[in-house]
Amino acid sequence: MNSDYGAFTLDPVGRVESTIKDRTDAPKQGDEGAPDAWIVFEPEFREAAMDLEPGDRLVVLTWLDRADRTVQRNHSRGDSSRPLMGVFGNRSPDRPNPIGLHTVTVSEVDGLRVLVSDLEAFDGTPVLDVKAELPPIGER
């Protein structure tokens, strides 16, 4: 692919530890039965994670390392009765740049390990970044 943007380098800040091992174990979305999972931060990001507390709502960005990056169209939710659509219009894990977006709640913090709910990522999935969820516009 030609690009005027240059090369990008993304270094994971951690990884997911989960009971989800493959697609057959994974719900389509986190709020559809995803188990609690740990985000395990790399030691060099200790200071970045130091203020996380139970009850915090976070947006976790992951690299869906087992995705098919050649997919541009699919049936939403894997349902062939639905029309084919471009992956930019749905939440398919298979896409040109497979960045996962997960809204989670912190349940427990144990050093570099943070237990969260509703994370539908596979065990070993690289975590690219974690951001605090913004409250609705009227509540900021």
C-alpha atoms as a PDB file:
ATOM      1  CA  MET A   1       0.000   0.000   0.000  1.00  0.00           C
ATOM      2  CA  ASN A   2       1.319   3.454  -0.883  1.00  0.00           C
ATOM      3  CA  SER A   3       0.961   6.042   1.816  1.00  0.00           C
ATOM      4  CA  ASP A   4       2.069   9.588   2.411  1.00  0.00           C
ATOM      5  CA  TYR A   5       1.801   8.963   6.135  1.00  0.00           C
ATOM      6  CA  GLY A   6       5.045   7.055   6.552  1.00  0.00           C
ATOM      7  CA  ALA A   7       5.566   4.025   8.739  1.00  0.00           C
ATOM      8  CA  PHE A   8       3.934   3.549  12.111  1.00  0.00           C
ATOM      9  CA  THR A   9       5.335   1.657  15.042  1.00  0.00           C
ATOM     10  CA  LEU A  10       3.030   0.499  17.806  1.00  0.00           C
ATOM     11  CA  ASP A  11       4.490  -1.064  20.916  1.00  0.00           C
ATOM     12  CA  PRO A  12       2.028  -2.905  23.161  1.00  0.00           C
ATOM     13  CA  VAL A  13       1.688  -1.570  26.695  1.00  0.00           C
ATOM     14  CA  GLY A  14       0.524  -4.974  27.902  1.00  0.00           C
ATOM     15  CA  ARG A  15      -1.467  -8.066  27.058  1.00  0.00           C
ATOM     16  CA  VAL A  16      -4.784  -9.701  27.869  1.00  0.00           C
ATOM     17  CA  GLU A  17      -5.034 -12.758  30.115  1.00  0.00           C
ATOM     18  CA  SER A  18      -8.408 -14.372  29.452  1.00  0.00           C
ATOM     19  CA  THR A  19     -10.198 -17.688  29.355  1.00  0.00           C
ATOM     20  CA  ILE A  20     -11.160 -16.875  25.749  1.00  0.00           C
ATOM     21  CA  LYS A  21      -8.775 -18.901  23.605  1.00  0.00           C
ATOM     22  CA  ASP A  22     -10.334 -18.638  20.127  1.00  0.00           C
ATOM     23  CA  ARG A  23     -13.349 -17.327  18.192  1.00  0.00           C
ATOM     24  CA  THR A  24     -15.592 -20.198  19.191  1.00  0.00           C
ATOM     25  CA  ASP A  25     -15.232 -19.092  22.842  1.00  0.00           C
ATOM     26  CA  ALA A  26     -15.722 -15.373  22.199  1.00  0.00           C
ATOM     27  CA  PRO A  27     -18.955 -13.387  22.370  1.00  0.00           C
ATOM     28  CA  LYS A  28     -19.565 -10.885  19.548  1.00  0.00           C
ATOM     29  CA  GLN A  29     -19.402  -7.962  22.008  1.00  0.00           C
ATOM     30  CA  GLY A  30     -18.117  -7.604  25.546  1.00  0.00           C
ATOM     31  CA  ASP A  31     -21.549  -7.055  27.066  1.00  0.00           C
ATOM     32  CA  GLU A  32     -22.777 -10.324  25.538  1.00  0.00           C
ATOM     33  CA  GLY A  33     -21.182 -12.637  28.079  1.00  0.00           C
ATOM     34  CA  ALA A  34     -17.468 -11.860  28.014  1.00  0.00           C
ATOM     35  CA  PRO A  35     -15.688 -13.217  31.087  1.00  0.00           C
ATOM     36  CA  ASP A  36     -13.658 -11.040  33.413  1.00  0.00           C
ATOM     37  CA  ALA A  37     -10.109 -10.750  32.091  1.00  0.00           C
ATOM     38  CA  TRP A  38      -6.816  -9.307  33.230  1.00  0.00           C
ATOM     39  CA  ILE A  39      -4.902  -6.548  31.497  1.00  0.00           C
ATOM     40  CA  VAL A  40      -1.272  -7.164  32.374  1.00  0.00           C
ATOM     41  CA  PHE A  41       0.855  -4.064  31.834  1.00  0.00           C
ATOM     42  CA  GLU A  42       4.534  -4.185  30.916  1.00  0.00           C
ATOM     43  CA  PRO A  43       6.746  -3.029  33.812  1.00  0.00           C
ATOM     44  CA  GLU A  44       7.879   0.109  31.962  1.00  0.00           C
ATOM     45  CA  PHE A  45       4.258   1.370  32.056  1.00  0.00           C
ATOM     46  CA  ARG A  46       3.831   1.069  35.842  1.00  0.00           C
ATOM     47  CA  GLU A  47       3.478   4.850  36.261  1.00  0.00           C
ATOM     48  CA  ALA A  48       0.945   5.086  33.432  1.00  0.00           C
ATOM     49  CA  ALA A  49      -1.305   2.539  35.201  1.00  0.00           C
ATOM     50  CA  MET A  50      -0.777   3.718  38.784  1.00  0.00           C
ATOM     51  CA  ASP A  51      -4.062   5.637  39.163  1.00  0.00           C
ATOM     52  CA  LEU A  52      -6.415   2.932  37.919  1.00  0.00           C
ATOM     53  CA  GLU A  53      -8.984   1.951  40.550  1.00  0.00           C
ATOM     54  CA  PRO A  54     -11.969  -0.384  40.901  1.00  0.00           C
ATOM     55  CA  GLY A  55     -15.037   1.185  39.347  1.00  0.00           C
ATOM     56  CA  ASP A  56     -13.104   3.097  36.675  1.00  0.00           C
ATOM     57  CA  ARG A  57     -14.593   2.889  33.189  1.00  0.00           C
ATOM     58  CA  LEU A  58     -11.934   2.477  30.518  1.00  0.00           C
ATOM     59  CA  VAL A  59     -11.633   2.189  26.769  1.00  0.00           C
ATOM     60  CA  VAL A  60      -9.062  -0.481  25.904  1.00  0.00           C
ATOM     61  CA  LEU A  61      -7.493  -0.532  22.443  1.00  0.00           C
ATOM     62  CA  THR A  62      -6.111  -3.889  21.389  1.00  0.00           C
ATOM     63  CA  TRP A  63      -4.348  -5.265  18.316  1.00  0.00           C
ATOM     64  CA  LEU A  64      -6.484  -8.149  17.055  1.00  0.00           C
ATOM     65  CA  ASP A  65      -3.444 -10.174  16.102  1.00  0.00           C
ATOM     66  CA  ARG A  66      -5.406 -13.175  14.811  1.00  0.00           C
ATOM     67  CA  ALA A  67      -7.588 -11.120  12.442  1.00  0.00           C
ATOM     68  CA  ASP A  68      -7.667 -11.528   8.676  1.00  0.00           C
ATOM     69  CA  ARG A  69      -6.363  -8.181   7.414  1.00  0.00           C
ATOM     70  CA  THR A  70      -7.490  -8.851   3.821  1.00  0.00           C
ATOM     71  CA  VAL A  71     -11.213  -8.690   4.637  1.00  0.00           C
ATOM     72  CA  GLN A  72     -12.996  -5.560   3.425  1.00  0.00           C
ATOM     73  CA  ARG A  73     -16.609  -6.793   3.290  1.00  0.00           C
ATOM     74  CA  ASN A  74     -18.536  -9.276   5.364  1.00  0.00           C
ATOM     75  CA  HIS A  75     -21.911 -10.182   6.789  1.00  0.00           C
ATOM     76  CA  SER A  76     -22.454  -8.293  10.050  1.00  0.00           C
ATOM     77  CA  ARG A  77     -22.102 -10.516  13.145  1.00  0.00           C
ATOM     78  CA  GLY A  78     -21.189 -13.448  10.844  1.00  0.00           C
ATOM     79  CA  ASP A  79     -24.860 -13.822   9.874  1.00  0.00           C
ATOM     80  CA  SER A  80     -25.056 -14.755   6.169  1.00  0.00           C
ATOM     81  CA  SER A  81     -28.733 -13.759   6.068  1.00  0.00           C
ATOM     82  CA  ARG A  82     -27.595 -10.146   6.455  1.00  0.00           C
ATOM     83  CA  PRO A  83     -26.316  -8.236   3.417  1.00  0.00           C
ATOM     84  CA  LEU A  84     -22.615  -7.914   2.695  1.00  0.00           C
ATOM     85  CA  MET A  85     -21.251  -4.630   3.975  1.00  0.00           C
ATOM     86  CA  GLY A  86     -17.908  -2.864   4.263  1.00  0.00           C
ATOM     87  CA  VAL A  87     -16.070  -3.573   7.521  1.00  0.00           C
ATOM     88  CA  PHE A  88     -15.802   0.146   8.301  1.00  0.00           C
ATOM     89  CA  GLY A  89     -19.576   0.045   8.838  1.00  0.00           C
ATOM     90  CA  ASN A  90     -19.507  -2.760  11.433  1.00  0.00           C
ATOM     91  CA  ARG A  91     -17.381  -4.086  14.294  1.00  0.00           C
ATOM     92  CA  SER A  92     -15.817  -7.060  12.553  1.00  0.00           C
ATOM     93  CA  PRO A  93     -12.466  -8.128  14.016  1.00  0.00           C
ATOM     94  CA  ASP A  94     -11.313  -8.899  10.450  1.00  0.00           C
ATOM     95  CA  ARG A  95     -10.290  -5.599   8.835  1.00  0.00           C
ATOM     96  CA  PRO A  96      -7.274  -3.858   7.270  1.00  0.00           C
ATOM     97  CA  ASN A  97      -5.985  -2.509  10.607  1.00  0.00           C
ATOM     98  CA  PRO A  98      -7.476  -4.766  13.277  1.00  0.00           C
ATOM     99  CA  ILE A  99      -7.689  -2.418  16.231  1.00  0.00           C
ATOM    100  CA  GLY A 100     -10.100  -3.626  18.899  1.00  0.00           C
ATOM    101  CA  LEU A 101     -12.122  -1.125  20.906  1.00  0.00           C
ATOM    102  CA  HIS A 102     -13.467  -2.350  24.263  1.00  0.00           C
ATOM    103  CA  THR A 103     -15.319  -0.455  26.994  1.00  0.00           C
ATOM    104  CA  VAL A 104     -14.659  -2.131  30.335  1.00  0.00           C
ATOM    105  CA  THR A 105     -15.014  -1.570  34.081  1.00  0.00           C
ATOM    106  CA  VAL A 106     -12.117  -2.115  36.474  1.00  0.00           C
ATOM    107  CA  SER A 107     -12.935  -4.691  39.187  1.00  0.00           C
ATOM    108  CA  GLU A 108      -9.548  -5.117  40.852  1.00  0.00           C
ATOM    109  CA  VAL A 109      -6.012  -3.759  40.672  1.00  0.00           C
ATOM    110  CA  ASP A 110      -3.046  -5.918  41.671  1.00  0.00           C
ATOM    111  CA  GLY A 111       0.180  -4.139  40.777  1.00  0.00           C
ATOM    112  CA  LEU A 112       0.603  -4.338  37.010  1.00  0.00           C
ATOM    113  CA  ARG A 113      -2.494  -6.545  36.681  1.00  0.00           C
ATOM    114  CA  VAL A 114      -5.929  -4.960  36.271  1.00  0.00           C
ATOM    115  CA  LEU A 115      -9.041  -7.144  36.313  1.00  0.00           C
ATOM    116  CA  VAL A 116     -11.799  -5.833  34.039  1.00  0.00           C
ATOM    117  CA  SER A 117     -15.274  -6.884  32.963  1.00  0.00           C
ATOM    118  CA  ASP A 118     -16.650  -7.207  29.431  1.00  0.00           C
ATOM    119  CA  LEU A 119     -13.345  -7.690  27.578  1.00  0.00           C
ATOM    120  CA  GLU A 120     -14.023 -10.010  24.623  1.00  0.00           C
ATOM    121  CA  ALA A 121     -10.369 -10.308  23.574  1.00  0.00           C
ATOM    122  CA  PHE A 122      -8.444 -13.566  23.243  1.00  0.00           C
ATOM    123  CA  ASP A 123      -5.836 -14.636  25.756  1.00  0.00           C
ATOM    124  CA  GLY A 124      -2.514 -13.077  24.739  1.00  0.00           C
ATOM    125  CA  THR A 125      -4.029 -10.227  22.711  1.00  0.00           C
ATOM    126  CA  PRO A 126      -1.676  -7.207  22.713  1.00  0.00           C
ATOM    127  CA  VAL A 127      -3.016  -4.087  24.464  1.00  0.00           C
ATOM    128  CA  LEU A 128      -2.067  -0.918  22.560  1.00  0.00           C
ATOM    129  CA  ASP A 129      -3.495   1.719  24.887  1.00  0.00           C
ATOM    130  CA  VAL A 130      -5.953   2.348  27.705  1.00  0.00           C
ATOM    131  CA  LYS A 131      -7.952   5.542  28.082  1.00  0.00           C
ATOM    132  CA  ALA A 132     -10.452   6.774  30.634  1.00  0.00           C
ATOM    133  CA  GLU A 133     -13.993   6.715  29.278  1.00  0.00           C
ATOM    134  CA  LEU A 134     -15.416  10.203  28.876  1.00  0.00           C
ATOM    135  CA  PRO A 135     -18.681  10.901  30.652  1.00  0.00           C
ATOM    136  CA  PRO A 136     -21.621  12.004  28.476  1.00  0.00           C
ATOM    137  CA  ILE A 137     -21.253  15.576  27.171  1.00  0.00           C
ATOM    138  CA  GLY A 138     -23.709  17.084  29.658  1.00  0.00           C
ATOM    139  CA  GLU A 139     -21.856  15.539  32.619  1.00  0.00           C
ATOM    140  CA  ARG A 140     -18.292  16.761  31.897  1.00  0.00           C
END
